[in-house]
Amino acid sequence: MQAYILLNCNTGSEVELISELKKYPEITEVNGIWGKYDVFLKVCSDDPDGIDKIVSTLRNHKDITNSYTMHVLYGQGGTIDELESGRD
């Protein structure tokens, strides 16, 4: 499973939050961004409930104020083969 997640966080917590999020093995990409959201995540998990577990963790984080999760639709650009061969 793969998803992209956009986060809003408390002002001034971005650098510390990004550093913390990089420690999660399911989070394969983390970037601070400009615009409506503050942080962009790419999340991959072999566990069918893995994405839900990460989202739950994020929603309970003291510095995260909002999240928006977009699950990848396989067959529309992303494929199961890509996920299994290295999470590309």
PDB file of N, CA and C in Angstrom:
ATOM      1  N   MET A   1       0.844  -1.172   0.000  1.00  0.00           N
ATOM      2  CA  MET A   1       0.000   0.000   0.000  1.00  0.00           C
ATOM      3  C   MET A   1       0.892   1.238   0.000  1.00  0.00           C
ATOM      4  N   GLN A   2       0.397   2.258  -0.668  1.00  0.00           N
ATOM      5  CA  GLN A   2       1.141   3.512  -0.724  1.00  0.00           C
ATOM      6  C   GLN A   2       0.158   4.663  -0.612  1.00  0.00           C
ATOM      7  N   ALA A   3       0.578   5.726   0.055  1.00  0.00           N
ATOM      8  CA  ALA A   3      -0.253   6.911   0.182  1.00  0.00           C
ATOM      9  C   ALA A   3       0.633   8.147   0.259  1.00  0.00           C
ATOM     10  N   TYR A   4       0.031   9.269  -0.085  1.00  0.00           N
ATOM     11  CA  TYR A   4       0.661  10.569   0.095  1.00  0.00           C
ATOM     12  C   TYR A   4      -0.148  11.291   1.158  1.00  0.00           C
ATOM     13  N   ILE A   5       0.544  11.946   2.077  1.00  0.00           N
ATOM     14  CA  ILE A   5      -0.144  12.630   3.167  1.00  0.00           C
ATOM     15  C   ILE A   5       0.367  14.060   3.249  1.00  0.00           C
ATOM     16  N   LEU A   6      -0.564  14.984   3.358  1.00  0.00           N
ATOM     17  CA  LEU A   6      -0.247  16.389   3.559  1.00  0.00           C
ATOM     18  C   LEU A   6      -0.583  16.750   4.993  1.00  0.00           C
ATOM     19  N   LEU A   7       0.304  17.501   5.635  1.00  0.00           N
ATOM     20  CA  LEU A   7       0.121  17.846   7.046  1.00  0.00           C
ATOM     21  C   LEU A   7       0.182  19.340   7.270  1.00  0.00           C
ATOM     22  N   ASN A   8      -0.589  19.806   8.239  1.00  0.00           N
ATOM     23  CA  ASN A   8      -0.419  21.132   8.823  1.00  0.00           C
ATOM     24  C   ASN A   8       0.111  20.912  10.231  1.00  0.00           C
ATOM     25  N   CYS A   9       0.987  21.809  10.658  1.00  0.00           N
ATOM     26  CA  CYS A   9       1.550  21.673  11.993  1.00  0.00           C
ATOM     27  C   CYS A   9       1.617  23.030  12.679  1.00  0.00           C
ATOM     28  N   ASN A  10       1.888  22.992  13.970  1.00  0.00           N
ATOM     29  CA  ASN A  10       2.027  24.222  14.736  1.00  0.00           C
ATOM     30  C   ASN A  10       3.193  25.042  14.186  1.00  0.00           C
ATOM     31  N   THR A  11       2.999  26.334  14.101  1.00  0.00           N
ATOM     32  CA  THR A  11       4.028  27.231  13.593  1.00  0.00           C
ATOM     33  C   THR A  11       5.316  27.080  14.399  1.00  0.00           C
ATOM     34  N   GLY A  12       6.408  26.907  13.684  1.00  0.00           N
ATOM     35  CA  GLY A  12       7.713  26.777  14.319  1.00  0.00           C
ATOM     36  C   GLY A  12       8.112  25.352  14.643  1.00  0.00           C
ATOM     37  N   SER A  13       7.197  24.388  14.464  1.00  0.00           N
ATOM     38  CA  SER A  13       7.517  22.994  14.796  1.00  0.00           C
ATOM     39  C   SER A  13       7.959  22.190  13.579  1.00  0.00           C
ATOM     40  N   GLU A  14       8.000  22.814  12.411  1.00  0.00           N
ATOM     41  CA  GLU A  14       8.253  22.093  11.164  1.00  0.00           C
ATOM     42  C   GLU A  14       9.571  21.317  11.159  1.00  0.00           C
ATOM     43  N   VAL A  15      10.648  21.947  11.504  1.00  0.00           N
ATOM     44  CA  VAL A  15      11.968  21.310  11.421  1.00  0.00           C
ATOM     45  C   VAL A  15      12.048  20.108  12.359  1.00  0.00           C
ATOM     46  N   GLU A  16      11.605  20.274  13.588  1.00  0.00           N
ATOM     47  CA  GLU A  16      11.637  19.171  14.557  1.00  0.00           C
ATOM     48  C   GLU A  16      10.693  18.048  14.128  1.00  0.00           C
ATOM     49  N   LEU A  17       9.514  18.402  13.632  1.00  0.00           N
ATOM     50  CA  LEU A  17       8.550  17.401  13.195  1.00  0.00           C
ATOM     51  C   LEU A  17       9.094  16.590  12.022  1.00  0.00           C
ATOM     52  N   ILE A  18       9.658  17.260  11.032  1.00  0.00           N
ATOM     53  CA  ILE A  18      10.221  16.571   9.866  1.00  0.00           C
ATOM     54  C   ILE A  18      11.330  15.614  10.296  1.00  0.00           C
ATOM     55  N   SER A  19      12.182  16.060  11.192  1.00  0.00           N
ATOM     56  CA  SER A  19      13.261  15.205  11.694  1.00  0.00           C
ATOM     57  C   SER A  19      12.693  13.966  12.381  1.00  0.00           C
ATOM     58  N   GLU A  20      11.651  14.143  13.156  1.00  0.00           N
ATOM     59  CA  GLU A  20      11.022  13.017  13.853  1.00  0.00           C
ATOM     60  C   GLU A  20      10.358  12.050  12.872  1.00  0.00           C
ATOM     61  N   LEU A  21       9.658  12.584  11.869  1.00  0.00           N
ATOM     62  CA  LEU A  21       8.933  11.745  10.915  1.00  0.00           C
ATOM     63  C   LEU A  21       9.884  10.897  10.065  1.00  0.00           C
ATOM     64  N   LYS A  22      11.087  11.366   9.828  1.00  0.00           N
ATOM     65  CA  LYS A  22      12.070  10.612   9.042  1.00  0.00           C
ATOM     66  C   LYS A  22      12.487   9.307   9.715  1.00  0.00           C
ATOM     67  N   LYS A  23      12.192   9.158  10.989  1.00  0.00           N
ATOM     68  CA  LYS A  23      12.570   7.961  11.738  1.00  0.00           C
ATOM     69  C   LYS A  23      11.601   6.796  11.530  1.00  0.00           C
ATOM     70  N   TYR A  24      10.414   7.067  10.999  1.00  0.00           N
ATOM     71  CA  TYR A  24       9.431   6.006  10.766  1.00  0.00           C
ATOM     72  C   TYR A  24       9.787   5.257   9.485  1.00  0.00           C
ATOM     73  N   PRO A  25       9.973   3.944   9.542  1.00  0.00           N
ATOM     74  CA  PRO A  25      10.367   3.208   8.338  1.00  0.00           C
ATOM     75  C   PRO A  25       9.315   3.234   7.228  1.00  0.00           C
ATOM     76  N   GLU A  26       8.052   3.393   7.585  1.00  0.00           N
ATOM     77  CA  GLU A  26       6.985   3.432   6.573  1.00  0.00           C
ATOM     78  C   GLU A  26       6.957   4.751   5.807  1.00  0.00           C
ATOM     79  N   ILE A  27       7.535   5.784   6.382  1.00  0.00           N
ATOM     80  CA  ILE A  27       7.565   7.094   5.730  1.00  0.00           C
ATOM     81  C   ILE A  27       8.835   7.153   4.887  1.00  0.00           C
ATOM     82  N   THR A  28       8.666   7.064   3.566  1.00  0.00           N
ATOM     83  CA  THR A  28       9.813   6.964   2.664  1.00  0.00           C
ATOM     84  C   THR A  28      10.257   8.316   2.114  1.00  0.00           C
ATOM     85  N   GLU A  29       9.448   9.334   2.302  1.00  0.00           N
ATOM     86  CA  GLU A  29       9.827  10.676   1.848  1.00  0.00           C
ATOM     87  C   GLU A  29       9.128  11.697   2.739  1.00  0.00           C
ATOM     88  N   VAL A  30       9.877  12.723   3.145  1.00  0.00           N
ATOM     89  CA  VAL A  30       9.338  13.809   3.961  1.00  0.00           C
ATOM     90  C   VAL A  30       9.909  15.110   3.420  1.00  0.00           C
ATOM     91  N   ASN A  31       9.032  16.074   3.165  1.00  0.00           N
ATOM     92  CA  ASN A  31       9.486  17.379   2.692  1.00  0.00           C
ATOM     93  C   ASN A  31       8.646  18.481   3.313  1.00  0.00           C
ATOM     94  N   GLY A  32       9.313  19.554   3.725  1.00  0.00           N
ATOM     95  CA  GLY A  32       8.591  20.767   4.067  1.00  0.00           C
ATOM     96  C   GLY A  32       8.161  21.427   2.771  1.00  0.00           C
ATOM     97  N   ILE A  33       6.955  21.986   2.748  1.00  0.00           N
ATOM     98  CA  ILE A  33       6.432  22.596   1.518  1.00  0.00           C
ATOM     99  C   ILE A  33       5.790  23.946   1.815  1.00  0.00           C
ATOM    100  N   TRP A  34       5.667  24.763   0.779  1.00  0.00           N
ATOM    101  CA  TRP A  34       4.973  26.042   0.866  1.00  0.00           C
ATOM    102  C   TRP A  34       3.536  25.853   0.412  1.00  0.00           C
ATOM    103  N   GLY A  35       2.633  26.654   0.946  1.00  0.00           N
ATOM    104  CA  GLY A  35       1.246  26.624   0.493  1.00  0.00           C
ATOM    105  C   GLY A  35       0.287  26.308   1.622  1.00  0.00           C
ATOM    106  N   LYS A  36      -0.825  25.697   1.268  1.00  0.00           N
ATOM    107  CA  LYS A  36      -1.882  25.396   2.230  1.00  0.00           C
ATOM    108  C   LYS A  36      -1.415  24.414   3.301  1.00  0.00           C
ATOM    109  N   TYR A  37      -0.484  23.525   2.951  1.00  0.00           N
ATOM    110  CA  TYR A  37       0.033  22.529   3.879  1.00  0.00           C
ATOM    111  C   TYR A  37       1.497  22.815   4.185  1.00  0.00           C
ATOM    112  N   ASP A  38       1.986  22.221   5.274  1.00  0.00           N
ATOM    113  CA  ASP A  38       3.350  22.473   5.737  1.00  0.00           C
ATOM    114  C   ASP A  38       4.326  21.345   5.428  1.00  0.00           C
ATOM    115  N   VAL A  39       3.818  20.101   5.400  1.00  0.00           N
ATOM    116  CA  VAL A  39       4.690  18.939   5.241  1.00  0.00           C
ATOM    117  C   VAL A  39       4.040  17.937   4.291  1.00  0.00           C
ATOM    118  N   PHE A  40       4.868  17.354   3.417  1.00  0.00           N
ATOM    119  CA  PHE A  40       4.440  16.322   2.472  1.00  0.00           C
ATOM    120  C   PHE A  40       5.107  15.010   2.865  1.00  0.00           C
ATOM    121  N   LEU A  41       4.316  13.920   2.904  1.00  0.00           N
ATOM    122  CA  LEU A  41       4.846  12.595   3.212  1.00  0.00           C
ATOM    123  C   LEU A  41       4.494  11.603   2.117  1.00  0.00           C
ATOM    124  N   LYS A  42       5.406  10.702   1.838  1.00  0.00           N
ATOM    125  CA  LYS A  42       5.120   9.522   1.032  1.00  0.00           C
ATOM    126  C   LYS A  42       5.241   8.344   1.983  1.00  0.00           C
ATOM    127  N   VAL A  43       4.180   7.534   2.057  1.00  0.00           N
ATOM    128  CA  VAL A  43       4.119   6.439   3.012  1.00  0.00           C
ATOM    129  C   VAL A  43       3.894   5.128   2.273  1.00  0.00           C
ATOM    130  N   CYS A  44       4.667   4.097   2.620  1.00  0.00           N
ATOM    131  CA  CYS A  44       4.528   2.767   2.021  1.00  0.00           C
ATOM    132  C   CYS A  44       4.477   1.732   3.139  1.00  0.00           C
ATOM    133  N   SER A  45       3.603   0.728   2.963  1.00  0.00           N
ATOM    134  CA  SER A  45       3.494  -0.329   3.956  1.00  0.00           C
ATOM    135  C   SER A  45       3.046  -1.619   3.293  1.00  0.00           C
ATOM    136  N   ASP A  46       3.672  -2.721   3.666  1.00  0.00           N
ATOM    137  CA  ASP A  46       3.245  -4.038   3.203  1.00  0.00           C
ATOM    138  C   ASP A  46       2.036  -4.528   3.991  1.00  0.00           C
ATOM    139  N   ASP A  47       1.858  -4.000   5.183  1.00  0.00           N
ATOM    140  CA  ASP A  47       0.731  -4.350   6.047  1.00  0.00           C
ATOM    141  C   ASP A  47      -0.518  -3.618   5.547  1.00  0.00           C
ATOM    142  N   PRO A  48      -1.612  -4.337   5.266  1.00  0.00           N
ATOM    143  CA  PRO A  48      -2.833  -3.687   4.785  1.00  0.00           C
ATOM    144  C   PRO A  48      -3.350  -2.583   5.716  1.00  0.00           C
ATOM    145  N   ASP A  49      -3.062  -2.692   7.019  1.00  0.00           N
ATOM    146  CA  ASP A  49      -3.495  -1.672   7.971  1.00  0.00           C
ATOM    147  C   ASP A  49      -2.395  -0.660   8.282  1.00  0.00           C
ATOM    148  N   GLY A  50      -1.253  -0.798   7.618  1.00  0.00           N
ATOM    149  CA  GLY A  50      -0.104   0.054   7.915  1.00  0.00           C
ATOM    150  C   GLY A  50      -0.349   1.535   7.707  1.00  0.00           C
ATOM    151  N   ILE A  51      -1.004   1.885   6.614  1.00  0.00           N
ATOM    152  CA  ILE A  51      -1.288   3.300   6.333  1.00  0.00           C
ATOM    153  C   ILE A  51      -2.205   3.852   7.415  1.00  0.00           C
ATOM    154  N   ASP A  52      -3.242   3.089   7.772  1.00  0.00           N
ATOM    155  CA  ASP A  52      -4.172   3.536   8.810  1.00  0.00           C
ATOM    156  C   ASP A  52      -3.460   3.747  10.143  1.00  0.00           C
ATOM    157  N   LYS A  53      -2.509   2.884  10.459  1.00  0.00           N
ATOM    158  CA  LYS A  53      -1.763   3.011  11.711  1.00  0.00           C
ATOM    159  C   LYS A  53      -0.925   4.289  11.715  1.00  0.00           C
ATOM    160  N   ILE A  54      -0.274   4.575  10.602  1.00  0.00           N
ATOM    161  CA  ILE A  54       0.529   5.804  10.502  1.00  0.00           C
ATOM    162  C   ILE A  54      -0.375   7.026  10.614  1.00  0.00           C
ATOM    163  N   VAL A  55      -1.507   7.018   9.904  1.00  0.00           N
ATOM    164  CA  VAL A  55      -2.433   8.157   9.962  1.00  0.00           C
ATOM    165  C   VAL A  55      -2.908   8.373  11.395  1.00  0.00           C
ATOM    166  N   SER A  56      -3.238   7.305  12.091  1.00  0.00           N
ATOM    167  CA  SER A  56      -3.667   7.414  13.487  1.00  0.00           C
ATOM    168  C   SER A  56      -2.566   8.027  14.348  1.00  0.00           C
ATOM    169  N   THR A  57      -1.332   7.582  14.138  1.00  0.00           N
ATOM    170  CA  THR A  57      -0.197   8.131  14.874  1.00  0.00           C
ATOM    171  C   THR A  57      -0.044   9.626  14.593  1.00  0.00           C
ATOM    172  N   LEU A  58      -0.148  10.002  13.329  1.00  0.00           N
ATOM    173  CA  LEU A  58      -0.009  11.408  12.952  1.00  0.00           C
ATOM    174  C   LEU A  58      -1.105  12.262  13.572  1.00  0.00           C
ATOM    175  N   ARG A  59      -2.332  11.781  13.534  1.00  0.00           N
ATOM    176  CA  ARG A  59      -3.459  12.556  14.064  1.00  0.00           C
ATOM    177  C   ARG A  59      -3.367  12.760  15.572  1.00  0.00           C
ATOM    178  N   ASN A  60      -2.613  11.910  16.246  1.00  0.00           N
ATOM    179  CA  ASN A  60      -2.447  12.046  17.693  1.00  0.00           C
ATOM    180  C   ASN A  60      -1.168  12.782  18.080  1.00  0.00           C
ATOM    181  N   HIS A  61      -0.396  13.224  17.093  1.00  0.00           N
ATOM    182  CA  HIS A  61       0.860  13.931  17.375  1.00  0.00           C
ATOM    183  C   HIS A  61       0.557  15.346  17.867  1.00  0.00           C
ATOM    184  N   LYS A  62       1.262  15.775  18.891  1.00  0.00           N
ATOM    185  CA  LYS A  62       0.997  17.067  19.532  1.00  0.00           C
ATOM    186  C   LYS A  62       1.189  18.268  18.608  1.00  0.00           C
ATOM    187  N   ASP A  63       2.041  18.155  17.588  1.00  0.00           N
ATOM    188  CA  ASP A  63       2.325  19.291  16.715  1.00  0.00           C
ATOM    189  C   ASP A  63       1.577  19.258  15.391  1.00  0.00           C
ATOM    190  N   ILE A  64       0.858  18.186  15.110  1.00  0.00           N
ATOM    191  CA  ILE A  64       0.115  18.093  13.848  1.00  0.00           C
ATOM    192  C   ILE A  64      -1.322  18.542  14.088  1.00  0.00           C
ATOM    193  N   THR A  65      -1.756  19.529  13.312  1.00  0.00           N
ATOM    194  CA  THR A  65      -3.091  20.098  13.505  1.00  0.00           C
ATOM    195  C   THR A  65      -4.101  19.613  12.475  1.00  0.00           C
ATOM    196  N   ASN A  66      -3.623  19.090  11.343  1.00  0.00           N
ATOM    197  CA  ASN A  66      -4.522  18.653  10.278  1.00  0.00           C
ATOM    198  C   ASN A  66      -3.764  17.710   9.355  1.00  0.00           C
ATOM    199  N   SER A  67      -4.489  16.729   8.800  1.00  0.00           N
ATOM    200  CA  SER A  67      -3.863  15.841   7.817  1.00  0.00           C
ATOM    201  C   SER A  67      -4.835  15.560   6.681  1.00  0.00           C
ATOM    202  N   TYR A  68      -4.274  15.300   5.521  1.00  0.00           N
ATOM    203  CA  TYR A  68      -5.060  14.953   4.330  1.00  0.00           C
ATOM    204  C   TYR A  68      -4.348  13.789   3.655  1.00  0.00           C
ATOM    205  N   THR A  69      -5.004  12.624   3.608  1.00  0.00           N
ATOM    206  CA  THR A  69      -4.398  11.399   3.099  1.00  0.00           C
ATOM    207  C   THR A  69      -4.956  11.047   1.733  1.00  0.00           C
ATOM    208  N   MET A  70      -4.054  10.714   0.798  1.00  0.00           N
ATOM    209  CA  MET A  70      -4.439  10.312  -0.555  1.00  0.00           C
ATOM    210  C   MET A  70      -3.836   8.945  -0.835  1.00  0.00           C
ATOM    211  N   HIS A  71      -4.674   7.911  -0.879  1.00  0.00           N
ATOM    212  CA  HIS A  71      -4.209   6.554  -1.172  1.00  0.00           C
ATOM    213  C   HIS A  71      -3.960   6.404  -2.669  1.00  0.00           C
ATOM    214  N   VAL A  72      -2.877   5.723  -3.035  1.00  0.00           N
ATOM    215  CA  VAL A  72      -2.545   5.468  -4.434  1.00  0.00           C
ATOM    216  C   VAL A  72      -3.510   4.423  -4.986  1.00  0.00           C
ATOM    217  N   LEU A  73      -4.022   4.689  -6.180  1.00  0.00           N
ATOM    218  CA  LEU A  73      -4.867   3.724  -6.890  1.00  0.00           C
ATOM    219  C   LEU A  73      -3.985   2.946  -7.847  1.00  0.00           C
ATOM    220  N   TYR A  74      -3.772   1.676  -7.544  1.00  0.00           N
ATOM    221  CA  TYR A  74      -2.961   0.847  -8.425  1.00  0.00           C
ATOM    222  C   TYR A  74      -3.729   0.607  -9.711  1.00  0.00           C
ATOM    223  N   GLY A  75      -3.009   0.606 -10.824  1.00  0.00           N
ATOM    224  CA  GLY A  75      -3.636   0.488 -12.130  1.00  0.00           C
ATOM    225  C   GLY A  75      -3.853   1.850 -12.771  1.00  0.00           C
ATOM    226  N   GLN A  76      -3.624   2.922 -12.013  1.00  0.00           N
ATOM    227  CA  GLN A  76      -3.733   4.274 -12.549  1.00  0.00           C
ATOM    228  C   GLN A  76      -2.411   5.008 -12.311  1.00  0.00           C
ATOM    229  N   GLY A  77      -1.357   4.420 -12.801  1.00  0.00           N
ATOM    230  CA  GLY A  77      -0.034   5.018 -12.650  1.00  0.00           C
ATOM    231  C   GLY A  77       0.849   4.249 -11.694  1.00  0.00           C
ATOM    232  N   GLY A  78       0.305   3.798 -10.590  1.00  0.00           N
ATOM    233  CA  GLY A  78       1.063   2.990  -9.640  1.00  0.00           C
ATOM    234  C   GLY A  78       0.628   1.545  -9.789  1.00  0.00           C
ATOM    235  N   THR A  79       1.555   0.626  -9.604  1.00  0.00           N
ATOM    236  CA  THR A  79       1.204  -0.786  -9.722  1.00  0.00           C
ATOM    237  C   THR A  79       1.690  -1.543  -8.500  1.00  0.00           C
ATOM    238  N   ILE A  80       1.062  -2.658  -8.229  1.00  0.00           N
ATOM    239  CA  ILE A  80       1.493  -3.529  -7.145  1.00  0.00           C
ATOM    240  C   ILE A  80       2.927  -3.974  -7.390  1.00  0.00           C
ATOM    241  N   ASP A  81       3.298  -4.245  -8.657  1.00  0.00           N
ATOM    242  CA  ASP A  81       4.663  -4.666  -8.979  1.00  0.00           C
ATOM    243  C   ASP A  81       5.677  -3.626  -8.544  1.00  0.00           C
ATOM    244  N   GLU A  82       5.380  -2.339  -8.754  1.00  0.00           N
ATOM    245  CA  GLU A  82       6.298  -1.286  -8.344  1.00  0.00           C
ATOM    246  C   GLU A  82       6.482  -1.288  -6.839  1.00  0.00           C
ATOM    247  N   LEU A  83       5.408  -1.473  -6.093  1.00  0.00           N
ATOM    248  CA  LEU A  83       5.494  -1.490  -4.648  1.00  0.00           C
ATOM    249  C   LEU A  83       6.347  -2.655  -4.179  1.00  0.00           C
ATOM    250  N   GLU A  84       6.132  -3.823  -4.736  1.00  0.00           N
ATOM    251  CA  GLU A  84       6.859  -5.006  -4.305  1.00  0.00           C
ATOM    252  C   GLU A  84       8.318  -4.997  -4.723  1.00  0.00           C
ATOM    253  N   SER A  85       8.679  -4.231  -5.748  1.00  0.00           N
ATOM    254  CA  SER A  85      10.054  -4.244  -6.231  1.00  0.00           C
ATOM    255  C   SER A  85      10.886  -3.089  -5.700  1.00  0.00           C
ATOM    256  N   GLY A  86      10.463  -2.459  -4.639  1.00  0.00           N
ATOM    257  CA  GLY A  86      11.318  -1.432  -4.063  1.00  0.00           C
ATOM    258  C   GLY A  86      10.605  -0.160  -3.692  1.00  0.00           C
ATOM    259  N   ARG A  87       9.315  -0.184  -3.647  1.00  0.00           N
ATOM    260  CA  ARG A  87       8.538   0.987  -3.197  1.00  0.00           C
ATOM    261  C   ARG A  87       8.790   2.217  -4.034  1.00  0.00           C
ATOM    262  N   ASP A  88       8.825   2.073  -5.333  1.00  0.00           N
ATOM    263  CA  ASP A  88       9.016   3.239  -6.218  1.00  0.00           C
ATOM    264  C   ASP A  88       7.695   3.885  -6.522  1.00  0.00           C
TER     265      ASP A  88
END
